[in-house]
C-alpha atoms as a PDB file:
ATOM      1  CA  UNK A   1       0.000   0.000   0.000  1.00  0.00           C
ATOM      2  CA  UNK A   2       1.388   3.373  -0.954  1.00  0.00           C
ATOM      3  CA  UNK A   3       1.421   6.234   1.522  1.00  0.00           C
ATOM      4  CA  UNK A   4      -0.091   9.498   0.359  1.00  0.00           C
ATOM      5  CA  UNK A   5       2.378  12.378   0.850  1.00  0.00           C
ATOM      6  CA  UNK A   6       1.274  15.989   1.058  1.00  0.00           C
ATOM      7  CA  UNK A   7       3.708  18.881   0.865  1.00  0.00           C
ATOM      8  CA  UNK A   8       2.513  22.146   2.401  1.00  0.00           C
ATOM      9  CA  UNK A   9       2.174  24.888  -0.178  1.00  0.00           C
ATOM     10  CA  UNK A  10       0.381  28.128  -0.875  1.00  0.00           C
ATOM     11  CA  UNK A  11      -2.485  28.537  -3.301  1.00  0.00           C
ATOM     12  CA  UNK A  12      -2.172  28.217  -7.060  1.00  0.00           C
ATOM     13  CA  UNK A  13      -3.572  31.177  -9.004  1.00  0.00           C
ATOM     14  CA  UNK A  14      -6.782  29.251  -9.750  1.00  0.00           C
ATOM     15  CA  UNK A  15      -7.418  28.616  -6.042  1.00  0.00           C
ATOM     16  CA  UNK A  16      -7.572  32.295  -5.070  1.00  0.00           C
ATOM     17  CA  UNK A  17     -11.197  33.466  -4.824  1.00  0.00           C
ATOM     18  CA  UNK A  18     -11.921  37.180  -4.961  1.00  0.00           C
ATOM     19  CA  UNK A  19     -13.733  38.279  -1.797  1.00  0.00           C
ATOM     20  CA  UNK A  20     -12.387  35.472   0.376  1.00  0.00           C
ATOM     21  CA  UNK A  21     -10.769  36.467   3.688  1.00  0.00           C
ATOM     22  CA  UNK A  22      -8.061  34.226   5.125  1.00  0.00           C
ATOM     23  CA  UNK A  23      -7.421  34.375   8.874  1.00  0.00           C
ATOM     24  CA  UNK A  24      -3.786  33.592   9.650  1.00  0.00           C
ATOM     25  CA  UNK A  25      -2.943  31.846  12.914  1.00  0.00           C
ATOM     26  CA  UNK A  26      -0.950  31.501  15.061  1.00  0.00           C
ATOM     27  CA  UNK A  27       0.000  35.100  15.712  1.00  0.00           C
ATOM     28  CA  UNK A  28       3.470  36.429  16.480  1.00  0.00           C
ATOM     29  CA  UNK A  29       4.358  38.161  19.745  1.00  0.00           C
ATOM     30  CA  UNK A  30       6.833  40.983  19.145  1.00  0.00           C
ATOM     31  CA  UNK A  31       9.602  41.017  21.738  1.00  0.00           C
ATOM     32  CA  UNK A  32      12.128  43.655  22.682  1.00  0.00           C
ATOM     33  CA  UNK A  33      14.848  41.415  21.214  1.00  0.00           C
ATOM     34  CA  UNK A  34      12.972  41.200  17.883  1.00  0.00           C
ATOM     35  CA  UNK A  35      12.666  44.969  17.737  1.00  0.00           C
ATOM     36  CA  UNK A  36      16.280  45.746  18.613  1.00  0.00           C
ATOM     37  CA  UNK A  37      17.689  43.078  16.285  1.00  0.00           C
ATOM     38  CA  UNK A  38      15.490  44.033  13.317  1.00  0.00           C
ATOM     39  CA  UNK A  39      16.196  47.741  13.848  1.00  0.00           C
ATOM     40  CA  UNK A  40      19.957  47.168  14.097  1.00  0.00           C
ATOM     41  CA  UNK A  41      20.048  44.774  11.122  1.00  0.00           C
ATOM     42  CA  UNK A  42      18.277  47.325   8.924  1.00  0.00           C
ATOM     43  CA  UNK A  43      20.527  50.208  10.059  1.00  0.00           C
ATOM     44  CA  UNK A  44      17.597  52.212  11.410  1.00  0.00           C
ATOM     45  CA  UNK A  45      19.073  54.527  14.055  1.00  0.00           C
ATOM     46  CA  UNK A  46      15.724  55.941  15.151  1.00  0.00           C
ATOM     47  CA  UNK A  47      15.828  56.368  18.966  1.00  0.00           C
ATOM     48  CA  UNK A  48      12.102  55.545  19.064  1.00  0.00           C
ATOM     49  CA  UNK A  49      13.113  51.901  18.550  1.00  0.00           C
ATOM     50  CA  UNK A  50      16.523  51.711  20.252  1.00  0.00           C
ATOM     51  CA  UNK A  51      16.916  54.265  23.029  1.00  0.00           C
ATOM     52  CA  UNK A  52      14.714  53.663  26.083  1.00  0.00           C
ATOM     53  CA  UNK A  53      15.822  56.865  27.834  1.00  0.00           C
ATOM     54  CA  UNK A  54      15.266  59.110  24.804  1.00  0.00           C
ATOM     55  CA  UNK A  55      11.950  57.441  23.931  1.00  0.00           C
ATOM     56  CA  UNK A  56      10.655  57.839  27.481  1.00  0.00           C
ATOM     57  CA  UNK A  57      10.918  61.610  27.039  1.00  0.00           C
ATOM     58  CA  UNK A  58       9.157  61.772  23.647  1.00  0.00           C
ATOM     59  CA  UNK A  59       5.472  62.568  23.248  1.00  0.00           C
ATOM     60  CA  UNK A  60       3.024  60.927  22.868  1.00  0.00           C
ATOM     61  CA  UNK A  61       4.129  57.369  23.672  1.00  0.00           C
ATOM     62  CA  UNK A  62       6.920  57.754  26.273  1.00  0.00           C
ATOM     63  CA  UNK A  63       8.341  54.324  25.410  1.00  0.00           C
ATOM     64  CA  UNK A  64      10.121  52.486  22.625  1.00  0.00           C
ATOM     65  CA  UNK A  65       7.841  51.177  19.900  1.00  0.00           C
ATOM     66  CA  UNK A  66       8.284  48.222  17.579  1.00  0.00           C
ATOM     67  CA  UNK A  67       9.769  49.210  14.237  1.00  0.00           C
ATOM     68  CA  UNK A  68       6.912  49.564  11.738  1.00  0.00           C
ATOM     69  CA  UNK A  69       8.935  47.754   9.063  1.00  0.00           C
ATOM     70  CA  UNK A  70       9.086  44.738  11.412  1.00  0.00           C
ATOM     71  CA  UNK A  71       5.308  45.017  11.745  1.00  0.00           C
ATOM     72  CA  UNK A  72       4.864  45.114   7.951  1.00  0.00           C
ATOM     73  CA  UNK A  73       7.255  42.199   7.422  1.00  0.00           C
ATOM     74  CA  UNK A  74       5.490  40.154  10.080  1.00  0.00           C
ATOM     75  CA  UNK A  75       2.085  40.980   8.591  1.00  0.00           C
ATOM     76  CA  UNK A  76       3.146  39.595   5.212  1.00  0.00           C
ATOM     77  CA  UNK A  77       5.060  36.716   6.767  1.00  0.00           C
ATOM     78  CA  UNK A  78       2.014  35.509   8.692  1.00  0.00           C
ATOM     79  CA  UNK A  79       0.227  34.963   5.353  1.00  0.00           C
ATOM     80  CA  UNK A  80       2.944  32.951   3.605  1.00  0.00           C
ATOM     81  CA  UNK A  81       2.194  29.386   4.765  1.00  0.00           C
ATOM     82  CA  UNK A  82      -1.489  29.721   3.922  1.00  0.00           C
ATOM     83  CA  UNK A  83      -1.308  31.707   0.679  1.00  0.00           C
ATOM     84  CA  UNK A  84       1.997  31.866  -1.171  1.00  0.00           C
ATOM     85  CA  UNK A  85       4.482  29.280   0.115  1.00  0.00           C
ATOM     86  CA  UNK A  86       6.123  27.805  -2.966  1.00  0.00           C
ATOM     87  CA  UNK A  87       3.565  29.270  -5.363  1.00  0.00           C
ATOM     88  CA  UNK A  88       4.621  32.923  -5.523  1.00  0.00           C
ATOM     89  CA  UNK A  89       6.919  34.092  -8.286  1.00  0.00           C
ATOM     90  CA  UNK A  90       7.415  37.650  -7.015  1.00  0.00           C
ATOM     91  CA  UNK A  91       6.048  40.521  -5.004  1.00  0.00           C
ATOM     92  CA  UNK A  92       5.174  43.156  -7.596  1.00  0.00           C
ATOM     93  CA  UNK A  93       4.540  46.010  -5.207  1.00  0.00           C
ATOM     94  CA  UNK A  94       2.894  47.370  -2.100  1.00  0.00           C
ATOM     95  CA  UNK A  95       0.479  50.288  -1.760  1.00  0.00           C
ATOM     96  CA  UNK A  96      -1.888  51.789   0.777  1.00  0.00           C
ATOM     97  CA  UNK A  97       0.424  50.924   3.679  1.00  0.00           C
ATOM     98  CA  UNK A  98      -0.796  52.348   6.977  1.00  0.00           C
ATOM     99  CA  UNK A  99       0.122  51.993  10.647  1.00  0.00           C
ATOM    100  CA  UNK A 100      -2.958  53.272  12.515  1.00  0.00           C
ATOM    101  CA  UNK A 101      -1.731  52.176  15.965  1.00  0.00           C
ATOM    102  CA  UNK A 102       1.708  51.349  17.356  1.00  0.00           C
ATOM    103  CA  UNK A 103       2.987  47.893  18.237  1.00  0.00           C
ATOM    104  CA  UNK A 104       4.598  47.686  21.663  1.00  0.00           C
ATOM    105  CA  UNK A 105       6.971  45.098  23.073  1.00  0.00           C
ATOM    106  CA  UNK A 106       4.846  42.127  24.110  1.00  0.00           C
ATOM    107  CA  UNK A 107       2.004  42.798  21.677  1.00  0.00           C
ATOM    108  CA  UNK A 108       0.874  39.848  19.568  1.00  0.00           C
ATOM    109  CA  UNK A 109       0.314  40.488  15.872  1.00  0.00           C
ATOM    110  CA  UNK A 110      -2.440  38.556  14.089  1.00  0.00           C
ATOM    111  CA  UNK A 111      -3.194  38.841  10.380  1.00  0.00           C
ATOM    112  CA  UNK A 112      -6.026  38.537   7.902  1.00  0.00           C
ATOM    113  CA  UNK A 113      -5.844  38.722   4.122  1.00  0.00           C
ATOM    114  CA  UNK A 114      -8.631  39.503   1.661  1.00  0.00           C
ATOM    115  CA  UNK A 115      -8.290  38.596  -2.006  1.00  0.00           C
ATOM    116  CA  UNK A 116      -9.174  41.802  -3.873  1.00  0.00           C
ATOM    117  CA  UNK A 117      -8.638  40.852  -7.493  1.00  0.00           C
ATOM    118  CA  UNK A 118      -6.873  38.431  -9.801  1.00  0.00           C
ATOM    119  CA  UNK A 119      -6.108  38.187 -13.489  1.00  0.00           C
ATOM    120  CA  UNK A 120      -3.943  36.000 -15.711  1.00  0.00           C
ATOM    121  CA  UNK A 121      -0.630  37.651 -16.599  1.00  0.00           C
ATOM    122  CA  UNK A 122      -0.639  39.049 -20.130  1.00  0.00           C
ATOM    123  CA  UNK A 123       3.141  38.694 -20.456  1.00  0.00           C
ATOM    124  CA  UNK A 124       3.951  35.564 -18.421  1.00  0.00           C
ATOM    125  CA  UNK A 125       2.060  32.420 -19.445  1.00  0.00           C
ATOM    126  CA  UNK A 126       1.307  30.093 -16.545  1.00  0.00           C
ATOM    127  CA  UNK A 127       1.235  32.920 -14.021  1.00  0.00           C
ATOM    128  CA  UNK A 128      -1.286  35.431 -12.738  1.00  0.00           C
ATOM    129  CA  UNK A 129      -1.449  38.647 -10.759  1.00  0.00           C
ATOM    130  CA  UNK A 130      -3.279  38.492  -7.428  1.00  0.00           C
ATOM    131  CA  UNK A 131      -4.097  41.590  -5.363  1.00  0.00           C
ATOM    132  CA  UNK A 132      -4.234  41.061  -1.600  1.00  0.00           C
ATOM    133  CA  UNK A 133      -5.263  43.351   1.252  1.00  0.00           C
ATOM    134  CA  UNK A 134      -3.422  42.444   4.455  1.00  0.00           C
ATOM    135  CA  UNK A 135      -4.585  43.649   7.880  1.00  0.00           C
ATOM    136  CA  UNK A 136      -2.611  43.231  11.117  1.00  0.00           C
ATOM    137  CA  UNK A 137      -4.413  43.342  14.455  1.00  0.00           C
ATOM    138  CA  UNK A 138      -3.021  43.180  17.961  1.00  0.00           C
ATOM    139  CA  UNK A 139      -4.371  41.074  20.810  1.00  0.00           C
ATOM    140  CA  UNK A 140      -6.923  43.827  21.558  1.00  0.00           C
ATOM    141  CA  UNK A 141      -8.252  43.645  17.948  1.00  0.00           C
ATOM    142  CA  UNK A 142      -6.805  47.088  17.172  1.00  0.00           C
ATOM    143  CA  UNK A 143      -5.635  47.471  13.589  1.00  0.00           C
ATOM    144  CA  UNK A 144      -1.881  48.109  13.711  1.00  0.00           C
ATOM    145  CA  UNK A 145      -1.036  47.843   9.995  1.00  0.00           C
ATOM    146  CA  UNK A 146      -2.638  47.497   6.576  1.00  0.00           C
ATOM    147  CA  UNK A 147      -1.165  46.969   3.128  1.00  0.00           C
ATOM    148  CA  UNK A 148      -2.317  46.154  -0.366  1.00  0.00           C
ATOM    149  CA  UNK A 149       0.085  43.813  -2.153  1.00  0.00           C
ATOM    150  CA  UNK A 150       0.334  42.808  -5.796  1.00  0.00           C
ATOM    151  CA  UNK A 151       1.804  39.325  -6.268  1.00  0.00           C
ATOM    152  CA  UNK A 152       2.724  37.209  -9.255  1.00  0.00           C
ATOM    153  CA  UNK A 153       1.548  33.645  -8.577  1.00  0.00           C
ATOM    154  CA  UNK A 154       2.040  30.397 -10.471  1.00  0.00           C
ATOM    155  CA  UNK A 155      -0.913  28.645 -12.049  1.00  0.00           C
ATOM    156  CA  UNK A 156      -1.443  25.000 -11.169  1.00  0.00           C
ATOM    157  CA  UNK A 157       0.869  22.690 -13.107  1.00  0.00           C
ATOM    158  CA  UNK A 158      -0.757  20.647 -15.841  1.00  0.00           C
ATOM    159  CA  UNK A 159      -0.601  16.932 -15.226  1.00  0.00           C
END
């Protein structure tokens, strides 16, 4: 008897349904170490992320905040296993990026993705363009980031 083997992957172009919302779990708790490492690795010298003393004196938060680029990266990353793992060709671009509320050390980021639109690529046979709206929420259901992303996704292979 042969054993059926399933490899985890994202969705093929044909499997994306416009209007569907995917809820990505588990979430990711942002730690102080994450924030400092990401900020240092990306050469961002903003005291708001690195300097506790300086940040404590700055209005309106009076504390260090998680780097918004970490928040954006985590938002997209939370969607990968469910949507694009092994099926994406490229990110084509991001638009409408917002950070309506800050992420603090210890906050947990959850994500949801809505499929906005899709169309076969006119220049790349076997691939299609999928538009996604990502939303990040913290553990209090406050929206902490949004982004619209254009992706180039493979169509299902022909048997």
